[in-house]
Amino acid sequence: MVLIGFGLGMIGGPLADMSLAKVPHEDAGSASGLFNTVMHLGIALGTALTALVFFRHHRRLTRRRPQPRRVPHRAVVGRRPPRPDVDPMFCLPKQANISAD
């Protein structure tokens, strides 16, 4: 990454000078804006295409075959299923048990 950053830094200035050298002084601002827009568009597209190729290749390498079904966890550990009066998501009672003593 350092090498790429250094190379782009060394090329960017002279490339802009060469590209804008023959542009008339009145149109220099517009030409510079267009140059920078195209430069940023190229960087964005290059990054997107590189990420696309990388992640497709990475997914292909890490794809696994489906595993056979395993024994449910509660059978292995010996846990009982949750009681019907308890919400399993929050483990809180669904209804308050209020008794008059």
C-alpha atoms as a PDB file:
ATOM      1  CA  MET A   1       0.000   0.000   0.000  1.00  0.00           C
ATOM      2  CA  VAL A   2       2.841   2.360   0.768  1.00  0.00           C
ATOM      3  CA  LEU A   3       4.395   1.630  -2.608  1.00  0.00           C
ATOM      4  CA  ILE A   4       1.101   2.283  -4.415  1.00  0.00           C
ATOM      5  CA  GLY A   5       0.575   5.531  -2.495  1.00  0.00           C
ATOM      6  CA  PHE A   6       4.090   6.667  -3.260  1.00  0.00           C
ATOM      7  CA  GLY A   7       3.722   5.781  -6.958  1.00  0.00           C
ATOM      8  CA  LEU A   8       0.401   7.597  -7.306  1.00  0.00           C
ATOM      9  CA  GLY A   9       1.819  10.628  -5.554  1.00  0.00           C
ATOM     10  CA  MET A  10       4.778  10.723  -7.922  1.00  0.00           C
ATOM     11  CA  ILE A  11       2.587  10.298 -11.029  1.00  0.00           C
ATOM     12  CA  GLY A  12      -0.445  12.445 -10.077  1.00  0.00           C
ATOM     13  CA  GLY A  13       1.195  15.875 -10.293  1.00  0.00           C
ATOM     14  CA  PRO A  14       3.004  15.431 -13.605  1.00  0.00           C
ATOM     15  CA  LEU A  15      -0.061  13.725 -15.112  1.00  0.00           C
ATOM     16  CA  ALA A  16      -2.247  16.705 -14.209  1.00  0.00           C
ATOM     17  CA  ASP A  17       0.339  19.128 -15.627  1.00  0.00           C
ATOM     18  CA  MET A  18       0.587  17.210 -18.905  1.00  0.00           C
ATOM     19  CA  SER A  19      -3.203  16.877 -19.209  1.00  0.00           C
ATOM     20  CA  LEU A  20      -3.929  20.547 -18.566  1.00  0.00           C
ATOM     21  CA  ALA A  21      -0.915  22.042 -20.389  1.00  0.00           C
ATOM     22  CA  LYS A  22      -2.737  22.901 -23.632  1.00  0.00           C
ATOM     23  CA  VAL A  23      -5.973  24.128 -22.040  1.00  0.00           C
ATOM     24  CA  PRO A  24      -6.597  27.896 -22.449  1.00  0.00           C
ATOM     25  CA  HIS A  25      -6.310  29.983 -19.286  1.00  0.00           C
ATOM     26  CA  GLU A  26     -10.043  30.865 -19.357  1.00  0.00           C
ATOM     27  CA  ASP A  27     -11.038  27.183 -19.239  1.00  0.00           C
ATOM     28  CA  ALA A  28      -8.409  26.044 -16.729  1.00  0.00           C
ATOM     29  CA  GLY A  29     -10.838  25.849 -13.798  1.00  0.00           C
ATOM     30  CA  SER A  30     -13.369  23.732 -15.668  1.00  0.00           C
ATOM     31  CA  ALA A  31     -10.656  21.475 -17.092  1.00  0.00           C
ATOM     32  CA  SER A  32      -9.138  20.986 -13.648  1.00  0.00           C
ATOM     33  CA  GLY A  33     -12.540  20.111 -12.188  1.00  0.00           C
ATOM     34  CA  LEU A  34     -13.190  17.645 -14.997  1.00  0.00           C
ATOM     35  CA  PHE A  35      -9.736  16.106 -14.547  1.00  0.00           C
ATOM     36  CA  ASN A  36     -10.274  15.622 -10.803  1.00  0.00           C
ATOM     37  CA  THR A  37     -13.772  14.212 -11.346  1.00  0.00           C
ATOM     38  CA  VAL A  38     -12.532  11.653 -13.842  1.00  0.00           C
ATOM     39  CA  MET A  39      -9.602  10.795 -11.575  1.00  0.00           C
ATOM     40  CA  HIS A  40     -11.903  10.152  -8.584  1.00  0.00           C
ATOM     41  CA  LEU A  41     -14.355   8.210 -10.737  1.00  0.00           C
ATOM     42  CA  GLY A  42     -11.523   5.980 -11.931  1.00  0.00           C
ATOM     43  CA  ILE A  43     -10.347   5.394  -8.364  1.00  0.00           C
ATOM     44  CA  ALA A  44     -13.894   4.506  -7.233  1.00  0.00           C
ATOM     45  CA  LEU A  45     -14.499   2.116 -10.125  1.00  0.00           C
ATOM     46  CA  GLY A  46     -11.093   0.503  -9.715  1.00  0.00           C
ATOM     47  CA  THR A  47     -11.700  -0.034  -6.009  1.00  0.00           C
ATOM     48  CA  ALA A  48     -15.171  -1.468  -6.630  1.00  0.00           C
ATOM     49  CA  LEU A  49     -13.965  -3.867  -9.319  1.00  0.00           C
ATOM     50  CA  THR A  50     -11.020  -4.981  -7.208  1.00  0.00           C
ATOM     51  CA  ALA A  51     -13.337  -5.663  -4.253  1.00  0.00           C
ATOM     52  CA  LEU A  52     -15.748  -7.548  -6.510  1.00  0.00           C
ATOM     53  CA  VAL A  53     -13.030  -9.837  -7.846  1.00  0.00           C
ATOM     54  CA  PHE A  54     -11.491 -10.339  -4.401  1.00  0.00           C
ATOM     55  CA  PHE A  55     -14.716 -11.243  -2.614  1.00  0.00           C
ATOM     56  CA  ARG A  56     -15.958 -13.545  -5.381  1.00  0.00           C
ATOM     57  CA  HIS A  57     -12.651 -15.377  -5.316  1.00  0.00           C
ATOM     58  CA  HIS A  58     -12.648 -15.412  -1.496  1.00  0.00           C
ATOM     59  CA  ARG A  59     -16.203 -16.826  -1.377  1.00  0.00           C
ATOM     60  CA  ARG A  60     -15.272 -19.553  -3.838  1.00  0.00           C
ATOM     61  CA  LEU A  61     -12.276 -20.550  -1.717  1.00  0.00           C
ATOM     62  CA  THR A  62     -14.149 -20.580   1.579  1.00  0.00           C
ATOM     63  CA  ARG A  63     -17.322 -22.323   0.385  1.00  0.00           C
ATOM     64  CA  ARG A  64     -17.943 -25.404   2.462  1.00  0.00           C
ATOM     65  CA  ARG A  65     -20.012 -28.465   1.802  1.00  0.00           C
ATOM     66  CA  PRO A  66     -23.210 -28.759   3.827  1.00  0.00           C
ATOM     67  CA  GLN A  67     -22.672 -30.560   7.110  1.00  0.00           C
ATOM     68  CA  PRO A  68     -24.962 -33.448   8.125  1.00  0.00           C
ATOM     69  CA  ARG A  69     -27.598 -32.626  10.717  1.00  0.00           C
ATOM     70  CA  ARG A  70     -26.286 -32.883  14.206  1.00  0.00           C
ATOM     71  CA  VAL A  71     -28.005 -34.004  17.378  1.00  0.00           C
ATOM     72  CA  PRO A  72     -29.939 -31.125  19.016  1.00  0.00           C
ATOM     73  CA  HIS A  73     -28.011 -29.277  21.696  1.00  0.00           C
ATOM     74  CA  ARG A  74     -30.435 -30.093  24.494  1.00  0.00           C
ATOM     75  CA  ALA A  75     -30.018 -33.825  23.857  1.00  0.00           C
ATOM     76  CA  VAL A  76     -26.262 -33.517  24.162  1.00  0.00           C
ATOM     77  CA  VAL A  77     -26.215 -31.320  27.252  1.00  0.00           C
ATOM     78  CA  GLY A  78     -29.369 -32.670  28.858  1.00  0.00           C
ATOM     79  CA  ARG A  79     -31.231 -29.371  28.965  1.00  0.00           C
ATOM     80  CA  ARG A  80     -34.984 -29.363  29.186  1.00  0.00           C
ATOM     81  CA  PRO A  81     -37.078 -27.276  26.800  1.00  0.00           C
ATOM     82  CA  PRO A  82     -38.316 -23.977  28.255  1.00  0.00           C
ATOM     83  CA  ARG A  83     -41.485 -23.985  30.319  1.00  0.00           C
ATOM     84  CA  PRO A  84     -44.577 -22.770  28.476  1.00  0.00           C
ATOM     85  CA  ASP A  85     -45.187 -19.912  30.945  1.00  0.00           C
ATOM     86  CA  VAL A  86     -41.711 -18.406  30.311  1.00  0.00           C
ATOM     87  CA  ASP A  87     -40.792 -16.436  27.228  1.00  0.00           C
ATOM     88  CA  PRO A  88     -37.650 -18.192  25.897  1.00  0.00           C
ATOM     89  CA  MET A  89     -36.375 -15.044  24.210  1.00  0.00           C
ATOM     90  CA  PHE A  90     -36.075 -12.977  27.351  1.00  0.00           C
ATOM     91  CA  CYS A  91     -36.449 -15.682  30.024  1.00  0.00           C
ATOM     92  CA  LEU A  92     -39.014 -13.517  31.744  1.00  0.00           C
ATOM     93  CA  PRO A  93     -42.480 -14.624  32.847  1.00  0.00           C
ATOM     94  CA  LYS A  94     -45.206 -13.794  30.342  1.00  0.00           C
ATOM     95  CA  GLN A  95     -47.638 -12.911  33.093  1.00  0.00           C
ATOM     96  CA  ALA A  96     -47.066 -11.746  36.629  1.00  0.00           C
ATOM     97  CA  ASN A  97     -48.075 -14.233  39.313  1.00  0.00           C
ATOM     98  CA  ILE A  98     -49.833 -12.058  41.900  1.00  0.00           C
ATOM     99  CA  SER A  99     -51.331 -13.884  44.811  1.00  0.00           C
ATOM    100  CA  ALA A 100     -53.217 -12.294  47.675  1.00  0.00           C
ATOM    101  CA  ASP A 101     -51.745 -13.459  50.970  1.00  0.00           C
END
